[in-house]
Amino acid sequence: MPARGLRGSAKAQDRGLLIGQMDSAMELHILYFARLREALGLARETVSVPVAVTNLGQLRAWLIARGDPWAEAFARVYPVRIALDQVVGRDDTPLRAGAEVAFFPPVTGG
């Protein structure tokens, strides 16, 4: 999905996530669950992220930098947990090519 007017923007530059920097881009399979899925209107997508996106926190920031509906969805659904290949991760968890990344709100059981 193309970026929406972010090439060279100060916001993207501050994060080191210029959309135009796609050298050696990494493909990821992203799943959205619960309120995120509803807010985005999609359950999954495959994306190619810039080489500067190396961990889960940077991936979340890159998705938000794509603009709406991602920016609005992540702002409305807080907090959001992230799993890499079905293992819950942290913002500093490194990404790997071809990985499955799932975003979901925390759940409680009883």
C-alpha atoms as a PDB file:
ATOM      1  CA  MET A   1       0.000   0.000   0.000  1.00  0.00           C
ATOM      2  CA  PRO A   2       1.564   3.338  -0.961  1.00  0.00           C
ATOM      3  CA  ALA A   3       2.617   5.922   1.561  1.00  0.00           C
ATOM      4  CA  ARG A   4       0.377   8.930   1.826  1.00  0.00           C
ATOM      5  CA  GLY A   5       2.518  12.033   1.373  1.00  0.00           C
ATOM      6  CA  LEU A   6       5.170  11.118   3.931  1.00  0.00           C
ATOM      7  CA  ARG A   7       8.237  11.012   1.694  1.00  0.00           C
ATOM      8  CA  GLY A   8      10.719  13.393   3.236  1.00  0.00           C
ATOM      9  CA  SER A   9       8.382  14.658   5.950  1.00  0.00           C
ATOM     10  CA  ALA A  10       9.973  15.813   9.182  1.00  0.00           C
ATOM     11  CA  LYS A  11       7.937  13.273  11.162  1.00  0.00           C
ATOM     12  CA  ALA A  12       9.250  10.372   9.080  1.00  0.00           C
ATOM     13  CA  GLN A  13      12.811  11.733   9.070  1.00  0.00           C
ATOM     14  CA  ASP A  14      12.820  12.079  12.855  1.00  0.00           C
ATOM     15  CA  ARG A  15      12.078   8.384  13.149  1.00  0.00           C
ATOM     16  CA  GLY A  16      14.543   7.392  10.430  1.00  0.00           C
ATOM     17  CA  LEU A  17      11.699   5.749   8.557  1.00  0.00           C
ATOM     18  CA  LEU A  18      11.652   7.475   5.199  1.00  0.00           C
ATOM     19  CA  ILE A  19       9.113   5.648   3.105  1.00  0.00           C
ATOM     20  CA  GLY A  20      11.329   6.094   0.054  1.00  0.00           C
ATOM     21  CA  GLN A  21      14.234   4.176   1.611  1.00  0.00           C
ATOM     22  CA  MET A  22      13.318   0.696   0.482  1.00  0.00           C
ATOM     23  CA  ASP A  23      16.803  -0.727  -0.182  1.00  0.00           C
ATOM     24  CA  SER A  24      16.792  -4.365   0.938  1.00  0.00           C
ATOM     25  CA  ALA A  25      13.201  -4.067   2.132  1.00  0.00           C
ATOM     26  CA  MET A  26      11.892  -6.858   4.340  1.00  0.00           C
ATOM     27  CA  GLU A  27       8.531  -8.520   3.703  1.00  0.00           C
ATOM     28  CA  LEU A  28       6.350  -9.176   6.751  1.00  0.00           C
ATOM     29  CA  HIS A  29       2.931 -10.758   7.213  1.00  0.00           C
ATOM     30  CA  ILE A  30       0.861  -8.671   9.618  1.00  0.00           C
ATOM     31  CA  LEU A  31      -2.269  -9.844  11.442  1.00  0.00           C
ATOM     32  CA  TYR A  32      -4.701  -7.523  13.232  1.00  0.00           C
ATOM     33  CA  PHE A  33      -7.071  -8.768  15.925  1.00  0.00           C
ATOM     34  CA  ALA A  34     -10.151  -7.554  17.806  1.00  0.00           C
ATOM     35  CA  ARG A  35     -10.655  -3.776  17.889  1.00  0.00           C
ATOM     36  CA  LEU A  36      -7.672  -3.149  15.599  1.00  0.00           C
ATOM     37  CA  ARG A  37      -9.120  -5.434  12.944  1.00  0.00           C
ATOM     38  CA  GLU A  38     -12.456  -3.631  13.219  1.00  0.00           C
ATOM     39  CA  ALA A  39     -10.877  -0.165  13.096  1.00  0.00           C
ATOM     40  CA  LEU A  40      -8.695  -1.010  10.082  1.00  0.00           C
ATOM     41  CA  GLY A  41     -11.290  -3.029   8.244  1.00  0.00           C
ATOM     42  CA  LEU A  42      -8.764  -5.768   7.519  1.00  0.00           C
ATOM     43  CA  ALA A  43      -7.505  -8.843   9.308  1.00  0.00           C
ATOM     44  CA  ARG A  44      -4.161  -9.240   7.561  1.00  0.00           C
ATOM     45  CA  GLU A  45      -1.772  -7.694   5.097  1.00  0.00           C
ATOM     46  CA  THR A  46       1.672  -8.330   3.686  1.00  0.00           C
ATOM     47  CA  VAL A  47       3.995  -5.325   3.674  1.00  0.00           C
ATOM     48  CA  SER A  48       7.524  -4.512   2.587  1.00  0.00           C
ATOM     49  CA  VAL A  49       9.129  -2.324   5.225  1.00  0.00           C
ATOM     50  CA  PRO A  50      12.140  -0.037   4.754  1.00  0.00           C
ATOM     51  CA  VAL A  51      15.547  -1.297   5.820  1.00  0.00           C
ATOM     52  CA  ALA A  52      15.458   1.173   8.747  1.00  0.00           C
ATOM     53  CA  VAL A  53      12.608  -0.809  10.355  1.00  0.00           C
ATOM     54  CA  THR A  54      14.441  -3.445  12.382  1.00  0.00           C
ATOM     55  CA  ASN A  55      12.275  -4.162  15.439  1.00  0.00           C
ATOM     56  CA  LEU A  56       8.648  -4.377  16.538  1.00  0.00           C
ATOM     57  CA  GLY A  57       8.525  -0.839  17.941  1.00  0.00           C
ATOM     58  CA  GLN A  58       9.834   0.608  14.691  1.00  0.00           C
ATOM     59  CA  LEU A  59       7.292  -1.458  12.755  1.00  0.00           C
ATOM     60  CA  ARG A  60       4.463  -0.005  14.841  1.00  0.00           C
ATOM     61  CA  ALA A  61       5.839   3.522  14.243  1.00  0.00           C
ATOM     62  CA  TRP A  62       6.129   2.835  10.500  1.00  0.00           C
ATOM     63  CA  LEU A  63       2.527   1.626  10.330  1.00  0.00           C
ATOM     64  CA  ILE A  64       1.334   4.748  12.160  1.00  0.00           C
ATOM     65  CA  ALA A  65       3.422   6.928   9.806  1.00  0.00           C
ATOM     66  CA  ARG A  66       1.456   5.457   6.876  1.00  0.00           C
ATOM     67  CA  GLY A  67      -1.405   7.699   8.002  1.00  0.00           C
ATOM     68  CA  ASP A  68      -5.026   6.752   8.356  1.00  0.00           C
ATOM     69  CA  PRO A  69      -6.511   4.313   8.985  1.00  0.00           C
ATOM     70  CA  TRP A  70      -3.409   2.953  10.818  1.00  0.00           C
ATOM     71  CA  ALA A  71      -2.600   6.153  12.735  1.00  0.00           C
ATOM     72  CA  GLU A  72      -6.164   6.500  13.967  1.00  0.00           C
ATOM     73  CA  ALA A  73      -6.571   2.797  14.770  1.00  0.00           C
ATOM     74  CA  PHE A  74      -3.384   2.604  16.845  1.00  0.00           C
ATOM     75  CA  ALA A  75      -4.285   5.861  18.627  1.00  0.00           C
ATOM     76  CA  ARG A  76      -7.770   4.575  19.557  1.00  0.00           C
ATOM     77  CA  VAL A  77      -6.751   1.062  20.582  1.00  0.00           C
ATOM     78  CA  TYR A  78      -4.335   1.384  23.459  1.00  0.00           C
ATOM     79  CA  PRO A  79      -2.425  -0.535  24.699  1.00  0.00           C
ATOM     80  CA  VAL A  80      -1.536  -2.900  21.873  1.00  0.00           C
ATOM     81  CA  ARG A  81       0.432  -6.116  22.328  1.00  0.00           C
ATOM     82  CA  ILE A  82       2.671  -7.477  19.574  1.00  0.00           C
ATOM     83  CA  ALA A  83       3.676 -11.048  18.808  1.00  0.00           C
ATOM     84  CA  LEU A  84       6.413 -12.187  16.432  1.00  0.00           C
ATOM     85  CA  ASP A  85       5.841 -15.661  15.016  1.00  0.00           C
ATOM     86  CA  GLN A  86       3.286 -16.356  17.769  1.00  0.00           C
ATOM     87  CA  VAL A  87       5.576 -15.319  20.635  1.00  0.00           C
ATOM     88  CA  VAL A  88       4.711 -12.112  22.509  1.00  0.00           C
ATOM     89  CA  GLY A  89       7.466  -9.574  21.957  1.00  0.00           C
ATOM     90  CA  ARG A  90       8.588  -6.144  23.093  1.00  0.00           C
ATOM     91  CA  ASP A  91       9.311  -2.986  21.123  1.00  0.00           C
ATOM     92  CA  ASP A  92      13.003  -3.939  20.915  1.00  0.00           C
ATOM     93  CA  THR A  93      12.320  -7.472  19.588  1.00  0.00           C
ATOM     94  CA  PRO A  94      14.204  -7.769  16.267  1.00  0.00           C
ATOM     95  CA  LEU A  95      12.277  -8.460  13.072  1.00  0.00           C
ATOM     96  CA  ARG A  96      13.225 -11.120  10.533  1.00  0.00           C
ATOM     97  CA  ALA A  97      12.227 -11.421   6.888  1.00  0.00           C
ATOM     98  CA  GLY A  98       9.040 -13.362   6.278  1.00  0.00           C
ATOM     99  CA  ALA A  99       7.946 -13.165   9.909  1.00  0.00           C
ATOM    100  CA  GLU A 100       4.338 -13.116  11.050  1.00  0.00           C
ATOM    101  CA  VAL A 101       3.596 -10.109  13.268  1.00  0.00           C
ATOM    102  CA  ALA A 102       0.315  -9.939  15.183  1.00  0.00           C
ATOM    103  CA  PHE A 103      -1.120  -6.824  16.824  1.00  0.00           C
ATOM    104  CA  PHE A 104      -3.799  -7.347  19.462  1.00  0.00           C
ATOM    105  CA  PRO A 105      -5.202  -5.704  22.571  1.00  0.00           C
ATOM    106  CA  PRO A 106      -4.340  -7.361  25.881  1.00  0.00           C
ATOM    107  CA  VAL A 107      -6.817  -9.980  27.010  1.00  0.00           C
ATOM    108  CA  THR A 108      -7.793 -11.108  30.456  1.00  0.00           C
ATOM    109  CA  GLY A 109      -9.261 -14.387  31.498  1.00  0.00           C
ATOM    110  CA  GLY A 110     -11.204 -15.518  34.428  1.00  0.00           C
END
